[in-house]
Amino acid sequence: MTLEEKIARIQTSSMEAARSEGNEIIESYRAALDKVFEDHKQEALRQVETRVKAETVNARQQKNQAMAKAQLDLKRQEGRVQKELKDKVFQEVMELVEHYMKTEEYQEFLLRCIEKSVEFAGGEELTIYINPSDQEMKEELELKSGTMLTISREDFIGGIRAVIRGRNVLIDHSFRTALRTEYDEFVFQGGDGVA
């Protein structure tokens, strides 16, 4: 073998060794880079999952807050509408009461209330008040009941009020009290979710 052949063989063998070593180094770097890439990918996925969970919780909280606010607004609106309707109902009731107070039945009602009050007093001193609007009926009511009546200074719409001072008792058959009690206790019934 000539010197040139020897040099060529050494050169070929050196090149193969260098290539082999270079390939090993490249393969080692590639494996290290693949590992770094996989680690980075796993960390990025964990961060994305954590962020998605946090955003989901945040979105759920915002939805719940929006729903609670909407429900509160609906309740307020329902309350306003119910109050308006309730006021209209009681305005109509007041008109019916005014009409009733012009009837013979109203005078009979007053007589029954007077008689019940006298009976309840059981002979004790009793002051019976009638509404100022019923002043024209005073004499007739006194004749029919045999009881002295007093015109009230306070307008209680209609009916009577009686006071037994000895027992400190107020007998209240006034329309104002009855209407106020009914108004305060009035609740709409029926429908979905309506009490």
N, C-alpha and C. Protein backbone atom coordinates (compact mmCIF):
# COMPACT_ATOMS: atom_id res chain seq x y z
N MET A 1 0.83 -1.15 0.00
CA MET A 1 0.00 0.00 0.00
C MET A 1 0.89 1.23 0.00
N THR A 2 0.52 2.12 -0.83
CA THR A 2 1.33 3.31 -0.99
C THR A 2 0.92 4.32 0.08
N LEU A 3 1.73 5.28 0.17
CA LEU A 3 1.51 6.33 1.17
C LEU A 3 0.21 7.06 0.90
N GLU A 4 -0.09 7.29 -0.27
CA GLU A 4 -1.33 7.97 -0.61
C GLU A 4 -2.52 7.12 -0.26
N GLU A 5 -2.40 5.84 -0.49
CA GLU A 5 -3.49 4.94 -0.13
C GLU A 5 -3.67 4.91 1.38
N LYS A 6 -2.51 4.89 2.09
CA LYS A 6 -2.56 4.90 3.54
C LYS A 6 -3.22 6.18 4.04
N ILE A 7 -2.83 7.30 3.44
CA ILE A 7 -3.41 8.59 3.85
C ILE A 7 -4.89 8.60 3.54
N ALA A 8 -5.25 8.07 2.39
CA ALA A 8 -6.67 8.03 2.00
C ALA A 8 -7.44 7.15 2.96
N ARG A 9 -6.84 5.99 3.34
CA ARG A 9 -7.51 5.08 4.28
C ARG A 9 -7.66 5.74 5.64
N ILE A 10 -6.57 6.38 6.12
CA ILE A 10 -6.61 7.07 7.41
C ILE A 10 -7.65 8.19 7.34
N GLN A 11 -7.64 8.89 6.22
CA GLN A 11 -8.58 10.00 6.06
C GLN A 11 -10.01 9.46 6.05
N THR A 12 -10.26 8.37 5.35
CA THR A 12 -11.58 7.77 5.28
C THR A 12 -11.99 7.29 6.66
N SER A 13 -11.08 6.62 7.33
CA SER A 13 -11.37 6.10 8.66
C SER A 13 -11.60 7.25 9.63
N SER A 14 -10.82 8.32 9.55
CA SER A 14 -10.99 9.50 10.41
C SER A 14 -12.33 10.17 10.12
N MET A 15 -12.66 10.26 8.86
CA MET A 15 -13.92 10.89 8.48
C MET A 15 -15.09 10.07 8.98
N GLU A 16 -14.96 8.74 8.85
CA GLU A 16 -16.05 7.89 9.33
C GLU A 16 -16.19 8.02 10.84
N ALA A 17 -15.02 8.05 11.54
CA ALA A 17 -15.06 8.21 13.00
C ALA A 17 -15.64 9.57 13.36
N ALA A 18 -15.23 10.61 12.65
CA ALA A 18 -15.74 11.96 12.92
C ALA A 18 -17.23 12.03 12.61
N ARG A 19 -17.61 11.41 11.47
CA ARG A 19 -19.05 11.38 11.14
C ARG A 19 -19.84 10.66 12.20
N SER A 20 -19.32 9.51 12.62
CA SER A 20 -19.99 8.70 13.63
C SER A 20 -20.09 9.49 14.93
N GLU A 21 -18.98 10.11 15.31
CA GLU A 21 -18.99 10.92 16.53
C GLU A 21 -19.91 12.12 16.37
N GLY A 22 -19.91 12.76 15.23
CA GLY A 22 -20.80 13.91 14.95
C GLY A 22 -22.26 13.48 14.99
N ASN A 23 -22.51 12.31 14.38
CA ASN A 23 -23.89 11.79 14.41
C ASN A 23 -24.35 11.50 15.83
N GLU A 24 -23.40 10.95 16.64
CA GLU A 24 -23.76 10.68 18.04
C GLU A 24 -24.03 11.98 18.78
N ILE A 25 -23.19 12.99 18.54
CA ILE A 25 -23.38 14.29 19.18
C ILE A 25 -24.72 14.90 18.73
N ILE A 26 -24.98 14.85 17.41
CA ILE A 26 -26.23 15.39 16.88
C ILE A 26 -27.42 14.64 17.46
N GLU A 27 -27.29 13.30 17.53
CA GLU A 27 -28.37 12.48 18.08
C GLU A 27 -28.58 12.81 19.55
N SER A 28 -27.48 13.03 20.27
CA SER A 28 -27.57 13.38 21.68
C SER A 28 -28.25 14.74 21.84
N TYR A 29 -27.86 15.72 21.03
CA TYR A 29 -28.51 17.04 21.07
C TYR A 29 -29.98 16.93 20.69
N ARG A 30 -30.24 16.14 19.64
CA ARG A 30 -31.63 15.97 19.20
C ARG A 30 -32.47 15.37 20.34
N ALA A 31 -31.94 14.36 21.03
CA ALA A 31 -32.66 13.73 22.14
C ALA A 31 -32.87 14.75 23.26
N ALA A 32 -31.79 15.53 23.56
CA ALA A 32 -31.90 16.55 24.61
C ALA A 32 -32.93 17.61 24.22
N LEU A 33 -32.91 18.05 22.96
CA LEU A 33 -33.88 19.05 22.49
C LEU A 33 -35.29 18.47 22.50
N ASP A 34 -35.43 17.20 22.09
CA ASP A 34 -36.75 16.56 22.14
C ASP A 34 -37.26 16.51 23.57
N LYS A 35 -36.36 16.20 24.53
CA LYS A 35 -36.75 16.15 25.95
C LYS A 35 -37.17 17.54 26.43
N VAL A 36 -36.36 18.56 26.08
CA VAL A 36 -36.70 19.94 26.47
C VAL A 36 -38.03 20.34 25.83
N PHE A 37 -38.22 19.97 24.56
CA PHE A 37 -39.47 20.30 23.86
C PHE A 37 -40.66 19.62 24.53
N GLU A 38 -40.53 18.34 24.86
CA GLU A 38 -41.61 17.60 25.53
C GLU A 38 -41.92 18.21 26.90
N ASP A 39 -40.86 18.54 27.66
CA ASP A 39 -41.06 19.17 28.97
C ASP A 39 -41.78 20.52 28.81
N HIS A 40 -41.32 21.29 27.84
CA HIS A 40 -41.95 22.60 27.59
C HIS A 40 -43.41 22.42 27.17
N LYS A 41 -43.65 21.43 26.30
CA LYS A 41 -45.02 21.17 25.84
C LYS A 41 -45.90 20.77 27.02
N GLN A 42 -45.41 19.88 27.90
CA GLN A 42 -46.18 19.44 29.08
C GLN A 42 -46.46 20.62 30.01
N GLU A 43 -45.47 21.48 30.22
CA GLU A 43 -45.66 22.66 31.08
C GLU A 43 -46.67 23.62 30.46
N ALA A 44 -46.57 23.82 29.15
CA ALA A 44 -47.53 24.70 28.47
C ALA A 44 -48.95 24.14 28.58
N LEU A 45 -49.10 22.81 28.42
CA LEU A 45 -50.42 22.18 28.56
C LEU A 45 -50.96 22.33 29.99
N ARG A 46 -50.09 22.17 31.00
CA ARG A 46 -50.51 22.35 32.39
C ARG A 46 -50.97 23.79 32.63
N GLN A 47 -50.22 24.74 32.10
CA GLN A 47 -50.59 26.16 32.25
C GLN A 47 -51.93 26.46 31.56
N VAL A 48 -52.09 25.88 30.36
CA VAL A 48 -53.35 26.08 29.63
C VAL A 48 -54.51 25.48 30.41
N GLU A 49 -54.34 24.26 30.94
CA GLU A 49 -55.40 23.62 31.73
C GLU A 49 -55.74 24.45 32.96
N THR A 50 -54.68 24.93 33.65
CA THR A 50 -54.90 25.76 34.84
C THR A 50 -55.64 27.03 34.47
N ARG A 51 -55.25 27.66 33.39
CA ARG A 51 -55.90 28.90 32.96
C ARG A 51 -57.35 28.64 32.53
N VAL A 52 -57.57 27.53 31.81
CA VAL A 52 -58.94 27.18 31.39
C VAL A 52 -59.82 26.96 32.61
N LYS A 53 -59.28 26.24 33.63
CA LYS A 53 -60.05 26.01 34.85
C LYS A 53 -60.37 27.34 35.54
N ALA A 54 -59.36 28.20 35.65
CA ALA A 54 -59.56 29.50 36.30
C ALA A 54 -60.58 30.33 35.54
N GLU A 55 -60.46 30.35 34.22
CA GLU A 55 -61.41 31.13 33.41
C GLU A 55 -62.82 30.53 33.49
N THR A 56 -62.90 29.20 33.58
CA THR A 56 -64.20 28.54 33.72
C THR A 56 -64.85 28.93 35.03
N VAL A 57 -64.06 28.88 36.11
CA VAL A 57 -64.58 29.28 37.43
C VAL A 57 -65.01 30.74 37.39
N ASN A 58 -64.19 31.59 36.80
CA ASN A 58 -64.49 33.02 36.71
C ASN A 58 -65.76 33.25 35.89
N ALA A 59 -65.86 32.55 34.77
CA ALA A 59 -67.06 32.70 33.92
C ALA A 59 -68.30 32.22 34.66
N ARG A 60 -68.18 31.11 35.40
CA ARG A 60 -69.31 30.59 36.17
C ARG A 60 -69.74 31.60 37.25
N GLN A 61 -68.74 32.20 37.91
CA GLN A 61 -69.05 33.20 38.94
C GLN A 61 -69.73 34.41 38.32
N GLN A 62 -69.23 34.87 37.18
CA GLN A 62 -69.85 36.01 36.50
C GLN A 62 -71.27 35.68 36.06
N LYS A 63 -71.46 34.45 35.56
CA LYS A 63 -72.81 34.02 35.16
C LYS A 63 -73.74 34.01 36.37
N ASN A 64 -73.26 33.45 37.49
CA ASN A 64 -74.07 33.40 38.70
C ASN A 64 -74.41 34.80 39.21
N GLN A 65 -73.44 35.70 39.16
CA GLN A 65 -73.69 37.08 39.58
C GLN A 65 -74.71 37.74 38.67
N ALA A 66 -74.56 37.52 37.36
CA ALA A 66 -75.50 38.11 36.40
C ALA A 66 -76.91 37.54 36.63
N MET A 67 -76.98 36.22 36.88
CA MET A 67 -78.29 35.60 37.13
C MET A 67 -78.90 36.14 38.41
N ALA A 68 -78.10 36.27 39.46
CA ALA A 68 -78.61 36.79 40.73
C ALA A 68 -79.10 38.22 40.55
N LYS A 69 -78.35 39.03 39.81
CA LYS A 69 -78.76 40.42 39.56
C LYS A 69 -80.05 40.44 38.75
N ALA A 70 -80.13 39.59 37.73
CA ALA A 70 -81.33 39.54 36.90
C ALA A 70 -82.53 39.09 37.73
N GLN A 71 -82.33 38.09 38.60
CA GLN A 71 -83.43 37.63 39.45
C GLN A 71 -83.87 38.74 40.41
N LEU A 72 -82.91 39.46 40.96
CA LEU A 72 -83.24 40.56 41.86
C LEU A 72 -84.01 41.64 41.11
N ASP A 73 -83.55 41.96 39.89
CA ASP A 73 -84.26 42.96 39.07
C ASP A 73 -85.68 42.49 38.76
N LEU A 74 -85.81 41.19 38.43
CA LEU A 74 -87.14 40.64 38.15
C LEU A 74 -88.04 40.72 39.38
N LYS A 75 -87.49 40.38 40.54
CA LYS A 75 -88.26 40.45 41.79
C LYS A 75 -88.72 41.88 42.05
N ARG A 76 -87.80 42.83 41.85
CA ARG A 76 -88.16 44.24 42.05
C ARG A 76 -89.26 44.66 41.08
N GLN A 77 -89.08 44.29 39.82
CA GLN A 77 -90.07 44.64 38.82
C GLN A 77 -91.41 43.97 39.14
N GLU A 78 -91.36 42.70 39.54
CA GLU A 78 -92.58 41.98 39.91
C GLU A 78 -93.25 42.68 41.10
N GLY A 79 -92.43 43.08 42.07
CA GLY A 79 -92.96 43.79 43.24
C GLY A 79 -93.64 45.09 42.85
N ARG A 80 -93.01 45.85 41.93
CA ARG A 80 -93.61 47.12 41.46
C ARG A 80 -94.92 46.86 40.74
N VAL A 81 -94.92 45.85 39.86
CA VAL A 81 -96.14 45.54 39.10
C VAL A 81 -97.24 45.07 40.05
N GLN A 82 -96.87 44.21 41.01
CA GLN A 82 -97.87 43.73 41.96
C GLN A 82 -98.42 44.88 42.80
N LYS A 83 -97.54 45.83 43.19
CA LYS A 83 -98.02 46.97 43.97
C LYS A 83 -98.96 47.83 43.13
N GLU A 84 -98.61 48.04 41.86
CA GLU A 84 -99.49 48.82 40.98
C GLU A 84 -100.85 48.14 40.84
N LEU A 85 -100.81 46.81 40.61
CA LEU A 85 -102.07 46.07 40.48
C LEU A 85 -102.86 46.09 41.79
N LYS A 86 -102.14 45.92 42.89
CA LYS A 86 -102.79 45.94 44.21
C LYS A 86 -103.45 47.30 44.44
N ASP A 87 -102.73 48.38 44.10
CA ASP A 87 -103.30 49.73 44.25
C ASP A 87 -104.54 49.89 43.38
N LYS A 88 -104.50 49.35 42.15
CA LYS A 88 -105.67 49.45 41.27
C LYS A 88 -106.84 48.66 41.85
N VAL A 89 -106.55 47.45 42.36
CA VAL A 89 -107.61 46.63 42.96
C VAL A 89 -108.25 47.39 44.12
N PHE A 90 -107.41 47.97 44.98
CA PHE A 90 -107.96 48.65 46.15
C PHE A 90 -108.60 49.99 45.79
N GLN A 91 -108.21 50.57 44.67
CA GLN A 91 -108.92 51.77 44.19
C GLN A 91 -110.33 51.36 43.77
N GLU A 92 -110.44 50.22 43.09
CA GLU A 92 -111.76 49.72 42.72
C GLU A 92 -112.57 49.35 43.96
N VAL A 93 -111.91 48.74 44.95
CA VAL A 93 -112.58 48.40 46.20
C VAL A 93 -113.12 49.67 46.86
N MET A 94 -112.31 50.72 46.86
CA MET A 94 -112.73 51.98 47.47
C MET A 94 -113.96 52.53 46.75
N GLU A 95 -113.99 52.42 45.44
CA GLU A 95 -115.16 52.87 44.68
C GLU A 95 -116.39 52.04 45.06
N LEU A 96 -116.20 50.73 45.23
CA LEU A 96 -117.30 49.87 45.65
C LEU A 96 -117.78 50.22 47.06
N VAL A 97 -116.83 50.53 47.94
CA VAL A 97 -117.17 50.94 49.31
C VAL A 97 -118.00 52.22 49.27
N GLU A 98 -117.55 53.19 48.47
CA GLU A 98 -118.29 54.46 48.35
C GLU A 98 -119.70 54.21 47.84
N HIS A 99 -119.84 53.32 46.89
CA HIS A 99 -121.16 52.97 46.37
C HIS A 99 -121.99 52.28 47.45
N TYR A 100 -121.37 51.34 48.18
CA TYR A 100 -122.06 50.61 49.25
C TYR A 100 -122.55 51.58 50.33
N MET A 101 -121.78 52.59 50.64
CA MET A 101 -122.15 53.53 51.70
C MET A 101 -123.39 54.35 51.35
N LYS A 102 -123.83 54.30 50.12
CA LYS A 102 -125.04 55.02 49.70
C LYS A 102 -126.28 54.12 49.72
N THR A 103 -126.10 52.87 50.16
CA THR A 103 -127.21 51.91 50.11
C THR A 103 -127.87 51.75 51.48
N GLU A 104 -129.03 51.14 51.46
CA GLU A 104 -129.78 50.82 52.69
C GLU A 104 -129.01 49.76 53.51
N GLU A 105 -128.31 48.85 52.82
CA GLU A 105 -127.54 47.81 53.51
C GLU A 105 -126.47 48.41 54.41
N TYR A 106 -125.89 49.53 53.97
CA TYR A 106 -124.85 50.19 54.77
C TYR A 106 -125.44 50.68 56.10
N GLN A 107 -126.62 51.28 56.03
CA GLN A 107 -127.25 51.76 57.26
C GLN A 107 -127.56 50.58 58.18
N GLU A 108 -127.99 49.47 57.61
CA GLU A 108 -128.24 48.27 58.42
C GLU A 108 -126.94 47.74 59.03
N PHE A 109 -125.86 47.80 58.27
CA PHE A 109 -124.54 47.40 58.78
C PHE A 109 -124.16 48.27 59.99
N LEU A 110 -124.36 49.57 59.86
CA LEU A 110 -124.03 50.48 60.97
C LEU A 110 -124.86 50.12 62.21
N LEU A 111 -126.15 49.85 62.01
CA LEU A 111 -127.01 49.49 63.14
C LEU A 111 -126.51 48.21 63.83
N ARG A 112 -126.13 47.20 63.02
CA ARG A 112 -125.61 45.95 63.60
C ARG A 112 -124.33 46.21 64.40
N CYS A 113 -123.45 47.05 63.87
CA CYS A 113 -122.19 47.36 64.57
C CYS A 113 -122.49 48.09 65.88
N ILE A 114 -123.43 49.02 65.85
CA ILE A 114 -123.81 49.76 67.07
C ILE A 114 -124.36 48.79 68.10
N GLU A 115 -125.26 47.91 67.68
CA GLU A 115 -125.86 46.95 68.61
C GLU A 115 -124.81 46.01 69.19
N LYS A 116 -123.89 45.52 68.38
CA LYS A 116 -122.82 44.64 68.88
C LYS A 116 -121.95 45.37 69.88
N SER A 117 -121.63 46.63 69.62
CA SER A 117 -120.80 47.42 70.53
C SER A 117 -121.50 47.62 71.87
N VAL A 118 -122.80 47.95 71.82
CA VAL A 118 -123.58 48.15 73.06
C VAL A 118 -123.61 46.84 73.85
N GLU A 119 -123.82 45.75 73.14
CA GLU A 119 -123.87 44.44 73.79
C GLU A 119 -122.52 44.10 74.42
N PHE A 120 -121.43 44.38 73.71
CA PHE A 120 -120.09 44.10 74.22
C PHE A 120 -119.78 44.95 75.46
N ALA A 121 -120.25 46.20 75.47
CA ALA A 121 -119.99 47.10 76.60
C ALA A 121 -120.69 46.59 77.86
N GLY A 122 -121.78 45.88 77.72
CA GLY A 122 -122.46 45.29 78.87
C GLY A 122 -122.90 46.31 79.90
N GLY A 123 -123.41 47.43 79.46
CA GLY A 123 -123.91 48.45 80.37
C GLY A 123 -122.88 49.48 80.79
N GLU A 124 -121.62 49.28 80.48
CA GLU A 124 -120.60 50.28 80.81
C GLU A 124 -120.74 51.48 79.89
N GLU A 125 -120.16 52.61 80.35
CA GLU A 125 -120.23 53.84 79.55
C GLU A 125 -119.51 53.61 78.22
N LEU A 126 -120.19 54.01 77.15
CA LEU A 126 -119.71 53.72 75.80
C LEU A 126 -119.90 54.95 74.93
N THR A 127 -118.87 55.32 74.17
CA THR A 127 -118.99 56.41 73.20
C THR A 127 -118.86 55.79 71.82
N ILE A 128 -119.89 55.99 71.00
CA ILE A 128 -119.87 55.44 69.64
C ILE A 128 -119.70 56.58 68.66
N TYR A 129 -118.70 56.43 67.78
CA TYR A 129 -118.39 57.45 66.79
C TYR A 129 -118.82 56.96 65.41
N ILE A 130 -119.43 57.86 64.66
CA ILE A 130 -119.70 57.57 63.25
C ILE A 130 -118.86 58.52 62.41
N ASN A 131 -118.66 58.16 61.17
CA ASN A 131 -117.81 58.93 60.27
C ASN A 131 -118.49 60.26 59.93
N PRO A 132 -117.72 61.33 59.73
CA PRO A 132 -118.32 62.62 59.36
C PRO A 132 -119.19 62.55 58.11
N SER A 133 -118.84 61.66 57.18
CA SER A 133 -119.65 61.54 55.95
C SER A 133 -121.02 60.94 56.22
N ASP A 134 -121.23 60.33 57.40
CA ASP A 134 -122.51 59.71 57.75
C ASP A 134 -123.37 60.61 58.65
N GLN A 135 -123.01 61.86 58.73
CA GLN A 135 -123.69 62.80 59.63
C GLN A 135 -125.20 62.87 59.37
N GLU A 136 -125.64 62.82 58.11
CA GLU A 136 -127.07 62.93 57.80
C GLU A 136 -127.87 61.72 58.31
N MET A 137 -127.18 60.61 58.61
CA MET A 137 -127.87 59.42 59.13
C MET A 137 -127.92 59.39 60.66
N LYS A 138 -127.26 60.33 61.32
CA LYS A 138 -127.10 60.29 62.77
C LYS A 138 -128.43 60.17 63.50
N GLU A 139 -129.38 61.04 63.21
CA GLU A 139 -130.65 61.03 63.94
C GLU A 139 -131.40 59.72 63.73
N GLU A 140 -131.45 59.26 62.50
CA GLU A 140 -132.17 58.02 62.21
C GLU A 140 -131.51 56.82 62.90
N LEU A 141 -130.17 56.79 62.89
CA LEU A 141 -129.45 55.70 63.57
C LEU A 141 -129.68 55.75 65.08
N GLU A 142 -129.69 56.96 65.64
CA GLU A 142 -129.94 57.10 67.08
C GLU A 142 -131.35 56.61 67.43
N LEU A 143 -132.34 56.95 66.59
CA LEU A 143 -133.72 56.52 66.84
C LEU A 143 -133.83 54.99 66.76
N LYS A 144 -133.25 54.41 65.72
CA LYS A 144 -133.36 52.97 65.52
C LYS A 144 -132.57 52.17 66.56
N SER A 145 -131.42 52.71 67.02
CA SER A 145 -130.58 51.96 67.96
C SER A 145 -130.85 52.32 69.41
N GLY A 146 -131.47 53.49 69.63
CA GLY A 146 -131.69 53.96 70.99
C GLY A 146 -130.39 54.34 71.67
N THR A 147 -129.38 54.70 70.91
CA THR A 147 -128.06 55.02 71.45
C THR A 147 -127.62 56.38 70.91
N MET A 148 -126.99 57.18 71.81
CA MET A 148 -126.44 58.47 71.38
C MET A 148 -125.17 58.22 70.57
N LEU A 149 -125.03 58.92 69.48
CA LEU A 149 -123.86 58.79 68.61
C LEU A 149 -123.10 60.10 68.57
N THR A 150 -121.80 60.00 68.31
CA THR A 150 -120.94 61.18 68.22
C THR A 150 -120.30 61.18 66.82
N ILE A 151 -120.28 62.37 66.22
CA ILE A 151 -119.60 62.51 64.92
C ILE A 151 -118.10 62.61 65.19
N SER A 152 -117.34 61.74 64.57
CA SER A 152 -115.88 61.72 64.75
C SER A 152 -115.24 62.91 64.07
N ARG A 153 -114.16 63.43 64.66
CA ARG A 153 -113.39 64.49 64.00
C ARG A 153 -112.47 63.89 62.93
N GLU A 154 -112.20 62.62 63.09
CA GLU A 154 -111.32 61.92 62.15
C GLU A 154 -112.16 61.17 61.12
N ASP A 155 -111.75 61.29 59.86
CA ASP A 155 -112.45 60.56 58.79
C ASP A 155 -111.88 59.14 58.75
N PHE A 156 -112.70 58.15 59.07
CA PHE A 156 -112.26 56.75 58.99
C PHE A 156 -113.02 56.04 57.88
N ILE A 157 -113.40 56.75 56.87
CA ILE A 157 -114.06 56.34 55.63
C ILE A 157 -115.51 55.95 55.86
N GLY A 158 -115.76 55.03 56.76
CA GLY A 158 -117.12 54.59 57.05
C GLY A 158 -117.08 53.58 58.17
N GLY A 159 -118.27 53.08 58.57
CA GLY A 159 -118.34 52.15 59.69
C GLY A 159 -118.45 52.93 60.99
N ILE A 160 -118.10 52.27 62.10
CA ILE A 160 -118.14 52.95 63.40
C ILE A 160 -116.90 52.61 64.19
N ARG A 161 -116.65 53.44 65.20
CA ARG A 161 -115.66 53.17 66.23
C ARG A 161 -116.34 53.43 67.57
N ALA A 162 -116.03 52.62 68.54
CA ALA A 162 -116.62 52.79 69.86
C ALA A 162 -115.52 52.67 70.90
N VAL A 163 -115.67 53.45 71.98
CA VAL A 163 -114.67 53.45 73.04
C VAL A 163 -115.37 53.15 74.36
N ILE A 164 -114.84 52.15 75.07
CA ILE A 164 -115.29 51.85 76.44
C ILE A 164 -114.15 52.34 77.33
N ARG A 165 -114.29 53.54 77.87
CA ARG A 165 -113.20 54.18 78.62
C ARG A 165 -112.87 53.41 79.91
N GLY A 166 -113.89 52.84 80.56
CA GLY A 166 -113.66 52.12 81.81
C GLY A 166 -112.72 50.94 81.64
N ARG A 167 -112.76 50.30 80.49
CA ARG A 167 -111.89 49.14 80.21
C ARG A 167 -110.75 49.51 79.26
N ASN A 168 -110.73 50.76 78.83
CA ASN A 168 -109.71 51.22 77.88
C ASN A 168 -109.73 50.35 76.61
N VAL A 169 -110.94 50.19 76.04
CA VAL A 169 -111.14 49.31 74.89
C VAL A 169 -111.62 50.15 73.70
N LEU A 170 -111.04 49.89 72.54
CA LEU A 170 -111.50 50.49 71.29
C LEU A 170 -112.12 49.39 70.45
N ILE A 171 -113.35 49.58 70.07
CA ILE A 171 -114.02 48.66 69.14
C ILE A 171 -113.96 49.35 67.78
N ASP A 172 -113.31 48.72 66.86
CA ASP A 172 -113.05 49.37 65.57
C ASP A 172 -113.72 48.59 64.44
N HIS A 173 -114.84 49.10 63.98
CA HIS A 173 -115.52 48.57 62.80
C HIS A 173 -115.43 49.59 61.67
N SER A 174 -114.30 50.29 61.62
CA SER A 174 -114.14 51.32 60.59
C SER A 174 -113.64 50.70 59.29
N PHE A 175 -114.05 51.29 58.19
CA PHE A 175 -113.61 50.81 56.88
C PHE A 175 -112.12 51.09 56.67
N ARG A 176 -111.62 52.21 57.22
CA ARG A 176 -110.21 52.55 57.04
C ARG A 176 -109.33 51.43 57.62
N THR A 177 -109.63 50.99 58.83
CA THR A 177 -108.83 49.92 59.46
C THR A 177 -108.99 48.61 58.69
N ALA A 178 -110.23 48.29 58.31
CA ALA A 178 -110.46 47.04 57.58
C ALA A 178 -109.73 47.05 56.24
N LEU A 179 -109.79 48.17 55.53
CA LEU A 179 -109.11 48.27 54.23
C LEU A 179 -107.60 48.23 54.39
N ARG A 180 -107.08 48.92 55.41
CA ARG A 180 -105.64 48.92 55.65
C ARG A 180 -105.16 47.49 55.96
N THR A 181 -105.91 46.78 56.80
CA THR A 181 -105.55 45.41 57.14
C THR A 181 -105.58 44.52 55.90
N GLU A 182 -106.63 44.64 55.11
CA GLU A 182 -106.73 43.84 53.88
C GLU A 182 -105.61 44.20 52.92
N TYR A 183 -105.29 45.49 52.80
CA TYR A 183 -104.23 45.92 51.89
C TYR A 183 -102.89 45.32 52.33
N ASP A 184 -102.61 45.39 53.64
CA ASP A 184 -101.34 44.88 54.15
C ASP A 184 -101.22 43.38 53.99
N GLU A 185 -102.33 42.66 54.09
CA GLU A 185 -102.29 41.19 54.03
C GLU A 185 -102.55 40.66 52.63
N PHE A 186 -102.90 41.52 51.70
CA PHE A 186 -103.26 41.09 50.35
C PHE A 186 -102.05 40.56 49.60
N VAL A 187 -102.16 39.37 49.04
CA VAL A 187 -101.11 38.75 48.23
C VAL A 187 -101.78 38.14 47.02
N PHE A 188 -101.19 38.35 45.84
CA PHE A 188 -101.70 37.73 44.63
C PHE A 188 -101.44 36.24 44.68
N GLN A 189 -102.41 35.44 44.30
CA GLN A 189 -102.27 33.98 44.31
C GLN A 189 -102.29 33.47 42.86
N GLY A 190 -101.50 32.40 42.61
CA GLY A 190 -101.57 31.72 41.32
C GLY A 190 -100.40 32.02 40.42
N GLY A 191 -100.36 31.29 39.30
CA GLY A 191 -99.30 31.47 38.31
C GLY A 191 -98.01 30.81 38.78
N ASP A 192 -97.04 30.71 37.89
CA ASP A 192 -95.74 30.11 38.22
C ASP A 192 -94.94 31.05 39.09
N GLY A 193 -94.57 30.58 40.24
CA GLY A 193 -93.69 31.34 41.10
C GLY A 193 -94.34 32.53 41.78
N VAL A 194 -95.62 32.75 41.57
CA VAL A 194 -96.28 33.87 42.21
C VAL A 194 -96.92 33.35 43.48
N ALA A 195 -96.60 33.99 44.58
CA ALA A 195 -97.13 33.52 45.87
C ALA A 195 -98.61 33.76 45.97
